[in-house]
N, C-alpha and C. Protein backbone atom coordinates (compact mmCIF):
# COMPACT_ATOMS: atom_id res chain seq x y z
N MET A 1 20.67 25.41 7.56
CA MET A 1 19.52 24.92 7.41
C MET A 1 18.55 25.60 7.91
N LEU A 2 18.93 26.23 9.38
CA LEU A 2 17.49 27.02 10.07
C LEU A 2 17.36 28.33 9.19
N ARG A 3 18.77 28.89 9.12
CA ARG A 3 18.61 30.18 8.34
C ARG A 3 17.96 30.35 7.23
N TRP A 4 18.06 29.21 6.21
CA TRP A 4 17.07 29.02 5.25
C TRP A 4 15.85 28.96 5.21
N LYS A 5 15.33 28.04 6.30
CA LYS A 5 14.14 27.92 6.77
C LYS A 5 13.39 28.96 7.31
N LEU A 6 14.38 29.96 8.12
CA LEU A 6 13.61 31.12 8.60
C LEU A 6 13.35 32.19 7.69
N ALA A 7 14.60 32.37 6.48
CA ALA A 7 14.22 33.02 5.66
C ALA A 7 13.03 32.92 4.44
N GLY A 8 12.60 31.87 4.57
CA GLY A 8 11.39 31.61 3.71
C GLY A 8 11.65 30.94 2.76
N GLY A 9 12.87 30.17 2.46
CA GLY A 9 13.69 29.34 1.45
C GLY A 9 12.36 28.22 1.08
N ALA A 10 11.93 27.73 2.31
CA ALA A 10 11.24 26.43 1.97
C ALA A 10 9.63 26.75 1.02
N ALA A 11 9.35 25.95 0.15
CA ALA A 11 8.36 26.10 -0.71
C ALA A 11 7.16 25.72 0.02
N LYS A 12 5.82 26.48 0.26
CA LYS A 12 4.71 26.18 0.75
C LYS A 12 4.23 25.04 0.26
N TRP A 13 3.85 24.05 1.20
CA TRP A 13 3.55 22.74 0.68
C TRP A 13 1.80 23.08 0.11
N PRO A 14 1.59 22.44 -1.12
CA PRO A 14 0.23 22.85 -1.68
C PRO A 14 -0.97 21.95 -0.78
N SER A 15 -2.14 22.80 -0.71
CA SER A 15 -3.32 21.93 -0.04
C SER A 15 -3.94 21.15 -0.65
N SER A 16 -3.48 21.05 -1.93
CA SER A 16 -4.32 19.85 -2.92
C SER A 16 -3.53 20.28 -4.24
N VAL A 17 -3.49 18.84 -5.03
CA VAL A 17 -2.90 19.31 -6.20
C VAL A 17 -3.87 18.21 -7.27
N PRO A 18 -4.13 19.14 -8.37
CA PRO A 18 -5.24 18.26 -9.25
C PRO A 18 -4.76 17.05 -9.97
N ILE A 19 -5.70 16.15 -10.13
CA ILE A 19 -5.06 14.94 -11.13
C ILE A 19 -6.35 14.62 -11.84
N THR A 20 -5.87 13.71 -13.08
CA THR A 20 -6.56 13.28 -13.77
C THR A 20 -7.11 11.49 -13.27
N LEU A 21 -8.09 11.11 -13.13
CA LEU A 21 -8.37 10.08 -12.67
C LEU A 21 -8.17 8.79 -13.85
N ALA A 22 -7.56 7.73 -13.19
CA ALA A 22 -7.40 6.76 -14.64
C ALA A 22 -8.68 5.61 -14.19
N LYS A 23 -9.34 5.34 -15.33
CA LYS A 23 -10.20 4.28 -15.29
C LYS A 23 -9.63 2.94 -15.88
N PRO A 24 -9.33 2.00 -14.93
CA PRO A 24 -8.52 0.81 -15.55
C PRO A 24 -9.52 -0.41 -15.94
N GLU A 25 -9.05 -0.87 -16.99
CA GLU A 25 -10.06 -1.83 -17.55
C GLU A 25 -10.12 -3.17 -16.57
N ALA A 26 -10.92 -4.12 -16.86
CA ALA A 26 -11.11 -4.95 -15.71
C ALA A 26 -9.98 -6.22 -15.86
N ARG A 27 -10.03 -6.42 -16.86
CA ARG A 27 -8.28 -7.47 -17.21
C ARG A 27 -7.50 -7.12 -18.00
N VAL A 28 -6.51 -7.22 -18.22
CA VAL A 28 -5.38 -6.81 -19.30
C VAL A 28 -4.26 -8.17 -19.48
N SER A 29 -4.25 -8.63 -20.54
CA SER A 29 -3.63 -9.81 -20.88
C SER A 29 -1.92 -9.43 -20.95
N GLY A 30 -1.71 -8.06 -21.22
CA GLY A 30 -0.13 -7.84 -21.33
C GLY A 30 0.08 -7.25 -19.84
N LEU A 31 0.89 -6.01 -20.16
CA LEU A 31 0.88 -5.41 -18.55
C LEU A 31 0.67 -3.83 -18.63
N ARG A 32 0.29 -3.59 -17.74
CA ARG A 32 -0.19 -2.25 -17.57
C ARG A 32 0.00 -1.78 -15.73
N ILE A 33 0.26 -0.67 -15.73
CA ILE A 33 0.99 -0.44 -14.41
C ILE A 33 0.46 1.41 -14.37
N ILE A 34 -0.52 1.31 -13.31
CA ILE A 34 -1.10 2.78 -12.90
C ILE A 34 -0.76 3.19 -11.77
N MET A 35 -0.13 4.51 -11.52
CA MET A 35 0.28 5.02 -10.50
C MET A 35 -1.00 5.43 -9.53
N VAL A 36 -1.11 4.75 -8.60
CA VAL A 36 -2.46 5.64 -7.56
C VAL A 36 -2.14 6.64 -6.50
N GLY A 37 -0.77 6.39 -6.09
CA GLY A 37 -0.12 7.65 -5.59
C GLY A 37 0.79 6.87 -4.32
N HIS A 38 1.82 7.69 -3.88
CA HIS A 38 3.00 7.44 -2.93
C HIS A 38 3.36 6.14 -3.32
N ALA A 39 3.36 5.10 -2.67
CA ALA A 39 3.62 3.88 -2.94
C ALA A 39 2.57 2.59 -3.35
N SER A 40 1.16 3.13 -3.78
CA SER A 40 0.18 2.62 -4.20
C SER A 40 0.36 2.40 -5.67
N LEU A 41 0.65 1.36 -6.44
CA LEU A 41 0.43 1.23 -7.70
C LEU A 41 -0.55 -0.06 -7.97
N LEU A 42 -1.26 0.19 -9.08
CA LEU A 42 -2.23 -0.88 -9.62
C LEU A 42 -1.46 -1.73 -10.63
N ILE A 43 -1.06 -2.88 -10.52
CA ILE A 43 -0.14 -3.46 -11.45
C ILE A 43 -1.15 -4.65 -12.20
N GLN A 44 -1.44 -4.79 -13.53
CA GLN A 44 -2.20 -5.43 -14.28
C GLN A 44 -1.46 -5.96 -15.15
N THR A 45 -1.58 -7.60 -14.98
CA THR A 45 -0.46 -8.45 -15.72
C THR A 45 -1.44 -9.58 -15.94
N ALA A 46 -0.92 -10.32 -17.11
CA ALA A 46 -1.30 -11.66 -17.34
C ALA A 46 -2.97 -12.17 -16.68
N GLY A 47 -3.75 -11.29 -16.97
CA GLY A 47 -5.28 -11.44 -16.51
C GLY A 47 -5.28 -11.50 -14.98
N LYS A 48 -4.48 -10.45 -14.14
CA LYS A 48 -4.48 -10.40 -12.53
C LYS A 48 -4.39 -9.00 -12.55
N ASN A 49 -4.80 -8.63 -11.17
CA ASN A 49 -4.72 -7.25 -10.78
C ASN A 49 -4.27 -7.25 -9.56
N ILE A 50 -3.49 -6.52 -9.39
CA ILE A 50 -2.45 -6.58 -7.87
C ILE A 50 -2.30 -5.04 -7.55
N LEU A 51 -2.52 -5.01 -6.23
CA LEU A 51 -2.14 -3.63 -5.93
C LEU A 51 -1.08 -3.64 -4.94
N THR A 52 -0.43 -2.71 -4.78
CA THR A 52 0.76 -2.65 -3.68
C THR A 52 0.48 -1.51 -2.68
N ASP A 53 0.81 -1.84 -1.44
CA ASP A 53 0.61 -0.87 -0.45
C ASP A 53 -0.45 0.35 -0.78
N PRO A 54 -1.90 -0.38 -0.86
CA PRO A 54 -2.90 0.65 -1.22
C PRO A 54 -3.36 1.44 0.19
N VAL A 55 -3.68 2.76 -0.11
CA VAL A 55 -3.86 3.80 0.64
C VAL A 55 -5.04 4.35 0.14
N TRP A 56 -6.12 4.60 0.36
CA TRP A 56 -7.22 5.64 -0.20
C TRP A 56 -7.77 6.24 0.94
N SER A 57 -7.32 6.16 2.36
CA SER A 57 -7.70 7.11 3.04
C SER A 57 -7.39 8.58 3.03
N GLU A 58 -7.68 9.45 3.81
CA GLU A 58 -7.59 10.99 3.70
C GLU A 58 -6.39 11.18 4.38
N ARG A 59 -5.89 10.18 5.42
CA ARG A 59 -4.57 10.71 6.25
C ARG A 59 -4.01 9.27 6.39
N ALA A 60 -2.70 9.53 6.60
CA ALA A 60 -1.80 8.47 6.86
C ALA A 60 -1.53 8.38 8.19
N SER A 61 -2.30 7.74 9.11
CA SER A 61 -2.17 8.26 10.48
C SER A 61 -3.19 6.93 11.27
N PRO A 62 -3.04 6.73 12.43
CA PRO A 62 -3.83 5.88 13.51
C PRO A 62 -5.12 6.85 13.43
N PHE A 63 -5.23 7.88 13.44
CA PHE A 63 -6.34 8.47 13.59
C PHE A 63 -6.99 9.50 12.31
N ALA A 64 -8.24 9.38 12.40
CA ALA A 64 -8.79 9.97 11.01
C ALA A 64 -8.92 11.62 11.00
N PHE A 65 -8.58 12.08 12.52
CA PHE A 65 -8.52 13.38 12.56
C PHE A 65 -7.26 14.33 12.68
N ALA A 66 -6.02 13.44 12.69
CA ALA A 66 -4.89 14.10 12.93
C ALA A 66 -3.88 13.45 11.92
N GLY A 67 -2.81 13.80 11.70
CA GLY A 67 -1.51 13.13 10.79
C GLY A 67 -1.73 13.57 9.36
N PRO A 68 -0.56 13.52 8.85
CA PRO A 68 -0.61 13.60 7.18
C PRO A 68 -1.70 13.70 6.47
N LYS A 69 -2.23 14.82 5.89
CA LYS A 69 -3.10 14.80 4.82
C LYS A 69 -2.94 14.65 3.51
N ARG A 70 -3.61 13.71 2.72
CA ARG A 70 -3.38 13.58 1.22
C ARG A 70 -3.28 14.89 0.45
N VAL A 71 -2.72 15.27 -0.37
CA VAL A 71 -2.56 16.26 -1.20
C VAL A 71 -3.11 16.17 -2.58
N THR A 72 -2.92 14.72 -2.97
CA THR A 72 -3.83 14.31 -4.07
C THR A 72 -4.48 13.10 -4.12
N ALA A 73 -5.71 13.10 -4.55
CA ALA A 73 -6.56 12.09 -4.63
C ALA A 73 -5.86 10.90 -5.16
N PRO A 74 -6.54 9.48 -4.58
CA PRO A 74 -5.61 8.25 -5.72
C PRO A 74 -6.07 8.94 -6.47
N GLY A 75 -5.01 7.86 -7.71
CA GLY A 75 -5.18 8.17 -9.06
C GLY A 75 -6.01 7.36 -9.60
N VAL A 76 -6.97 6.47 -9.10
CA VAL A 76 -7.95 5.29 -9.61
C VAL A 76 -8.82 5.72 -8.29
N ALA A 77 -10.11 6.08 -8.75
CA ALA A 77 -11.34 6.31 -7.67
C ALA A 77 -11.59 4.72 -7.00
N PHE A 78 -11.93 4.47 -5.97
CA PHE A 78 -11.83 3.26 -5.22
C PHE A 78 -13.15 2.22 -6.08
N GLU A 79 -14.03 2.99 -6.32
CA GLU A 79 -15.03 2.40 -7.18
C GLU A 79 -14.86 1.84 -8.69
N ASP A 80 -13.73 2.61 -9.02
CA ASP A 80 -13.36 2.30 -10.28
C ASP A 80 -12.29 1.11 -10.41
N LEU A 81 -12.05 0.55 -9.18
CA LEU A 81 -10.85 -0.59 -9.31
C LEU A 81 -11.60 -1.59 -9.99
N PRO A 82 -10.41 -2.43 -10.74
CA PRO A 82 -10.92 -3.78 -11.54
C PRO A 82 -10.81 -4.74 -10.42
N PRO A 83 -11.46 -5.89 -10.62
CA PRO A 83 -11.53 -6.96 -9.34
C PRO A 83 -9.77 -7.27 -8.91
N ILE A 84 -9.65 -6.74 -7.27
CA ILE A 84 -8.38 -6.97 -7.11
C ILE A 84 -8.11 -8.55 -6.90
N ASP A 85 -6.99 -9.32 -7.30
CA ASP A 85 -6.65 -10.74 -7.05
C ASP A 85 -5.60 -10.60 -5.57
N VAL A 86 -4.85 -10.00 -5.36
CA VAL A 86 -3.63 -9.60 -4.70
C VAL A 86 -3.20 -8.33 -4.29
N VAL A 87 -2.97 -8.25 -3.00
CA VAL A 87 -2.38 -7.01 -2.48
C VAL A 87 -1.23 -7.29 -2.09
N LEU A 88 -0.03 -6.46 -2.18
CA LEU A 88 1.11 -6.75 -1.59
C LEU A 88 1.45 -5.83 -0.60
N LEU A 89 1.63 -5.86 0.38
CA LEU A 89 2.05 -4.84 1.60
C LEU A 89 3.66 -4.92 1.82
N SER A 90 4.56 -3.89 1.77
CA SER A 90 6.01 -4.03 2.05
C SER A 90 6.14 -3.77 3.35
N HIS A 91 5.47 -3.12 4.36
CA HIS A 91 6.02 -2.80 5.87
C HIS A 91 4.64 -2.10 6.47
N CYS A 92 4.82 -1.93 7.72
CA CYS A 92 3.59 -1.53 8.48
C CYS A 92 3.51 -0.01 8.58
N HIS A 93 4.04 1.08 8.15
CA HIS A 93 4.07 2.49 8.11
C HIS A 93 2.63 2.43 7.88
N TYR A 94 2.14 3.70 8.51
CA TYR A 94 0.52 4.10 7.98
C TYR A 94 0.34 4.25 6.61
N ASP A 95 1.44 4.97 5.79
CA ASP A 95 1.33 5.15 4.50
C ASP A 95 1.59 3.98 3.68
N HIS A 96 1.68 2.97 4.12
CA HIS A 96 2.02 1.64 3.59
C HIS A 96 0.82 0.53 3.67
N LEU A 97 0.39 0.69 5.13
CA LEU A 97 -0.32 -0.34 5.46
C LEU A 97 -1.64 0.40 6.15
N ASP A 98 -2.73 0.61 5.29
CA ASP A 98 -3.88 1.60 5.91
C ASP A 98 -4.85 0.29 6.00
N VAL A 99 -5.25 0.18 7.27
CA VAL A 99 -6.38 -1.06 7.59
C VAL A 99 -7.53 -0.36 7.44
N ALA A 100 -8.05 0.75 7.08
CA ALA A 100 -9.52 1.35 6.69
C ALA A 100 -9.42 0.79 4.88
N THR A 101 -8.35 0.96 4.43
CA THR A 101 -8.34 0.86 2.77
C THR A 101 -8.52 -0.99 2.53
N LEU A 102 -7.71 -1.67 3.73
CA LEU A 102 -7.51 -3.18 3.53
C LEU A 102 -9.12 -3.75 3.86
N ARG A 103 -9.60 -3.27 4.53
CA ARG A 103 -11.21 -3.56 5.13
C ARG A 103 -11.80 -3.13 4.08
N ARG A 104 -11.78 -2.47 3.43
CA ARG A 104 -12.86 -1.88 2.16
C ARG A 104 -12.37 -3.05 0.96
N LEU A 105 -11.22 -3.13 0.86
CA LEU A 105 -10.74 -4.14 -0.50
C LEU A 105 -11.19 -5.54 0.06
N HIS A 106 -11.13 -6.09 1.16
CA HIS A 106 -11.63 -7.19 1.92
C HIS A 106 -13.12 -7.33 1.36
N ALA A 107 -13.85 -6.40 1.90
CA ALA A 107 -15.29 -6.32 1.69
C ALA A 107 -15.50 -6.48 0.22
N SER A 108 -15.05 -5.97 -0.84
CA SER A 108 -15.39 -5.76 -1.99
C SER A 108 -14.54 -6.86 -3.13
N HIS A 109 -13.69 -7.30 -2.63
CA HIS A 109 -12.58 -8.12 -3.56
C HIS A 109 -12.03 -9.26 -3.01
N ALA A 110 -12.09 -9.39 -1.51
CA ALA A 110 -11.49 -10.45 -0.94
C ALA A 110 -9.94 -11.07 -1.55
N PRO A 111 -9.25 -9.95 -1.73
CA PRO A 111 -7.84 -10.42 -2.31
C PRO A 111 -7.09 -11.31 -1.27
N LEU A 112 -6.19 -11.86 -1.76
CA LEU A 112 -4.89 -12.53 -1.24
C LEU A 112 -4.19 -11.34 -0.64
N MET A 113 -3.64 -11.25 0.49
CA MET A 113 -2.46 -10.17 0.42
C MET A 113 -1.39 -10.64 0.97
N ALA A 114 -0.20 -10.45 0.60
CA ALA A 114 0.80 -10.90 0.53
C ALA A 114 2.12 -10.04 1.34
N MET A 115 2.94 -10.32 2.48
CA MET A 115 3.52 -9.43 3.22
C MET A 115 4.72 -10.01 4.10
N PRO A 116 5.65 -9.18 4.61
CA PRO A 116 6.81 -9.75 5.32
C PRO A 116 6.04 -10.14 6.84
N LEU A 117 7.19 -10.88 7.19
CA LEU A 117 6.61 -11.51 8.70
C LEU A 117 5.98 -10.58 9.78
N ASP A 118 5.17 -10.86 10.43
CA ASP A 118 4.23 -10.65 11.40
C ASP A 118 3.59 -9.20 11.29
N ASN A 119 3.38 -8.80 9.69
CA ASN A 119 2.73 -7.73 9.45
C ASN A 119 1.20 -8.38 9.33
N ASP A 120 1.15 -9.64 9.40
CA ASP A 120 -0.04 -10.33 9.33
C ASP A 120 -0.78 -10.02 10.77
N ALA A 121 -0.31 -9.86 11.67
CA ALA A 121 -0.95 -9.68 12.81
C ALA A 121 -1.71 -8.28 12.69
N ILE A 122 -1.06 -7.41 12.23
CA ILE A 122 -1.81 -6.04 12.21
C ILE A 122 -3.04 -6.21 11.32
N VAL A 123 -2.85 -7.14 10.02
CA VAL A 123 -3.86 -7.13 8.98
C VAL A 123 -4.97 -7.74 9.65
N ARG A 124 -4.71 -9.06 10.31
CA ARG A 124 -5.70 -10.02 10.94
C ARG A 124 -6.49 -9.20 12.09
N GLY A 125 -5.64 -8.23 12.75
CA GLY A 125 -6.33 -7.46 13.79
C GLY A 125 -7.36 -6.53 13.03
N ALA A 126 -7.14 -6.13 12.08
CA ALA A 126 -8.39 -5.31 11.68
C ALA A 126 -9.24 -6.11 10.82
N VAL A 127 -8.68 -7.08 9.77
CA VAL A 127 -9.67 -7.91 8.90
C VAL A 127 -9.58 -9.35 9.04
N PRO A 128 -10.52 -9.77 10.39
CA PRO A 128 -9.96 -11.18 10.91
C PRO A 128 -9.71 -12.46 9.79
N GLU A 129 -10.96 -12.18 8.62
CA GLU A 129 -11.09 -13.22 7.69
C GLU A 129 -10.02 -12.88 6.63
N ALA A 130 -9.44 -12.27 6.56
CA ALA A 130 -8.31 -11.55 5.50
C ALA A 130 -7.30 -13.07 5.19
N ARG A 131 -7.27 -13.28 3.82
CA ARG A 131 -6.39 -14.37 3.50
C ARG A 131 -4.84 -13.93 3.32
N CYS A 132 -4.17 -14.07 4.09
CA CYS A 132 -2.68 -13.43 4.40
C CYS A 132 -1.89 -14.73 4.02
N ILE A 133 -0.62 -14.28 3.07
CA ILE A 133 0.68 -15.20 3.35
C ILE A 133 1.79 -14.28 3.79
N VAL A 134 2.67 -14.68 4.49
CA VAL A 134 3.87 -14.06 4.95
C VAL A 134 5.05 -14.70 4.71
N GLY A 135 6.07 -14.12 4.84
CA GLY A 135 7.58 -14.77 4.45
C GLY A 135 8.97 -13.66 5.08
N ASP A 136 9.86 -14.24 4.84
CA ASP A 136 11.18 -13.70 5.25
C ASP A 136 11.49 -13.18 4.28
N TRP A 137 12.92 -12.33 4.52
CA TRP A 137 13.73 -12.09 3.42
C TRP A 137 13.94 -13.02 2.12
N TRP A 138 14.07 -13.00 1.11
CA TRP A 138 14.42 -13.92 -0.25
C TRP A 138 13.19 -15.10 -0.29
N ASN A 139 12.04 -14.97 0.69
CA ASN A 139 11.17 -16.00 0.38
C ASN A 139 10.28 -15.63 -0.84
N ARG A 140 10.14 -16.72 -1.78
CA ARG A 140 9.35 -16.64 -2.71
C ARG A 140 7.97 -16.95 -2.48
N LEU A 141 6.94 -16.04 -2.65
CA LEU A 141 5.39 -16.26 -2.05
C LEU A 141 4.74 -16.75 -3.26
N PRO A 142 3.96 -17.67 -3.62
CA PRO A 142 3.13 -18.06 -4.59
C PRO A 142 1.60 -17.15 -4.27
N LEU A 143 1.48 -16.55 -5.75
CA LEU A 143 0.21 -15.38 -5.53
C LEU A 143 -0.88 -16.22 -6.23
N ASP A 144 -0.71 -16.84 -6.98
CA ASP A 144 -1.55 -17.71 -8.10
C ASP A 144 -0.80 -18.32 -9.04
N GLU A 145 -1.83 -19.19 -9.64
CA GLU A 145 -0.94 -20.61 -10.77
C GLU A 145 0.03 -19.33 -11.62
N GLY A 146 1.36 -19.75 -11.48
CA GLY A 146 2.20 -18.78 -12.34
C GLY A 146 2.50 -17.66 -11.79
N LEU A 147 2.32 -17.00 -10.63
CA LEU A 147 2.67 -15.67 -10.06
C LEU A 147 3.05 -15.82 -9.06
N ALA A 148 4.23 -15.15 -8.64
CA ALA A 148 4.82 -15.32 -7.38
C ALA A 148 5.41 -14.11 -7.24
N THR A 149 5.59 -13.79 -6.02
CA THR A 149 6.69 -12.45 -5.59
C THR A 149 7.92 -12.91 -4.73
N THR A 150 8.62 -12.19 -4.55
CA THR A 150 9.74 -12.32 -3.57
C THR A 150 10.07 -11.50 -2.69
N LEU A 151 10.36 -11.55 -1.27
CA LEU A 151 10.26 -10.31 -0.44
C LEU A 151 11.86 -10.38 -0.29
N THR A 152 12.29 -8.96 -0.58
CA THR A 152 13.89 -8.70 -0.72
C THR A 152 14.31 -8.17 0.40
N PRO A 153 15.24 -8.00 0.83
CA PRO A 153 15.77 -7.05 1.87
C PRO A 153 15.88 -5.69 1.57
N ALA A 154 15.36 -4.82 2.31
CA ALA A 154 15.14 -3.24 2.03
C ALA A 154 15.92 -2.36 3.31
N ASN A 155 16.37 -1.42 3.13
CA ASN A 155 17.05 -0.52 3.99
C ASN A 155 16.04 0.38 4.46
N HIS A 156 15.49 -0.23 5.50
CA HIS A 156 14.21 0.44 6.26
C HIS A 156 13.94 0.02 7.59
N TRP A 157 12.88 0.26 8.07
CA TRP A 157 12.55 -0.11 9.36
C TRP A 157 10.96 -0.19 9.61
N ALA A 158 10.38 -0.50 10.46
CA ALA A 158 8.96 -0.77 10.40
C ALA A 158 8.38 -0.51 11.92
N ASN A 159 7.55 0.01 11.91
CA ASN A 159 6.62 0.21 13.50
C ASN A 159 5.42 1.25 13.19
N ARG A 160 4.64 1.05 14.22
CA ARG A 160 3.35 1.74 13.78
C ARG A 160 3.10 2.75 15.46
N TRP A 161 3.82 2.52 16.24
CA TRP A 161 3.76 3.23 17.65
C TRP A 161 5.43 3.18 18.06
N PRO A 162 5.61 4.12 18.89
CA PRO A 162 6.91 4.08 19.49
C PRO A 162 7.56 2.75 20.08
N THR A 163 6.45 2.11 20.52
CA THR A 163 6.69 0.73 21.32
C THR A 163 6.96 -0.23 20.63
N ASP A 164 6.73 -0.25 19.25
CA ASP A 164 6.63 -1.49 18.72
C ASP A 164 7.76 -1.45 17.48
N LEU A 165 9.01 -0.53 17.69
CA LEU A 165 9.93 -0.52 16.70
C LEU A 165 10.72 -1.80 16.33
N ARG A 166 10.79 -1.98 14.91
CA ARG A 166 11.54 -3.53 14.66
C ARG A 166 10.61 -4.69 15.21
N MET A 167 9.38 -4.52 15.32
CA MET A 167 8.81 -5.86 15.50
C MET A 167 7.94 -6.39 14.63
N VAL A 168 8.14 -6.04 13.53
CA VAL A 168 7.71 -6.62 12.27
C VAL A 168 8.68 -6.37 11.15
N LEU A 169 8.71 -7.20 10.44
CA LEU A 169 9.47 -7.17 9.01
C LEU A 169 9.15 -6.12 7.87
N TRP A 170 10.18 -5.66 7.29
CA TRP A 170 9.85 -5.00 6.04
C TRP A 170 10.51 -5.50 4.84
N ALA A 171 10.17 -5.31 3.84
CA ALA A 171 10.99 -5.82 2.60
C ALA A 171 10.44 -5.23 1.30
N GLY A 172 11.40 -5.24 0.39
CA GLY A 172 10.92 -4.70 -0.89
C GLY A 172 10.09 -6.13 -1.56
N ILE A 173 9.18 -5.85 -2.76
CA ILE A 173 8.64 -6.90 -3.09
C ILE A 173 8.69 -6.91 -4.73
N THR A 174 8.92 -7.78 -4.99
CA THR A 174 9.67 -7.91 -6.24
C THR A 174 8.92 -9.13 -7.10
């Protein structure tokens, strides 16, 4: 591996990749899924708008000036988001739980936020008025009339600092 790396075998990471932005409709009666980036999806179904692990920040980091920087812009401009009803959060890594984005979403849409156990402490620390529902693995969380999600076990882990490893739950959200 070291010989390959030193021989220049690794491709240079691009500084940016151009994309075509999507402009979603306000509501969809059927099903539409738009890739926003990384783990962020806009799911439009049955007249509801759901975001998964939304990140609109420039960096996935506790610091605005350091950490992994975006290579692509989000697939939907924040200003073009339809009314967001629900945000699903899978775990607390910075590339999945971005408090700056959650603050913006709360200010613009005040969505219900669903997440695994103890992630709500992070969310409420950043957005005290956030409407949060939490659950353990295999819990079914009601999101709206006729709409629910189930938190499933995932082979992963969660922390935001070296001192809080495995202090909050992580999950797949189905």
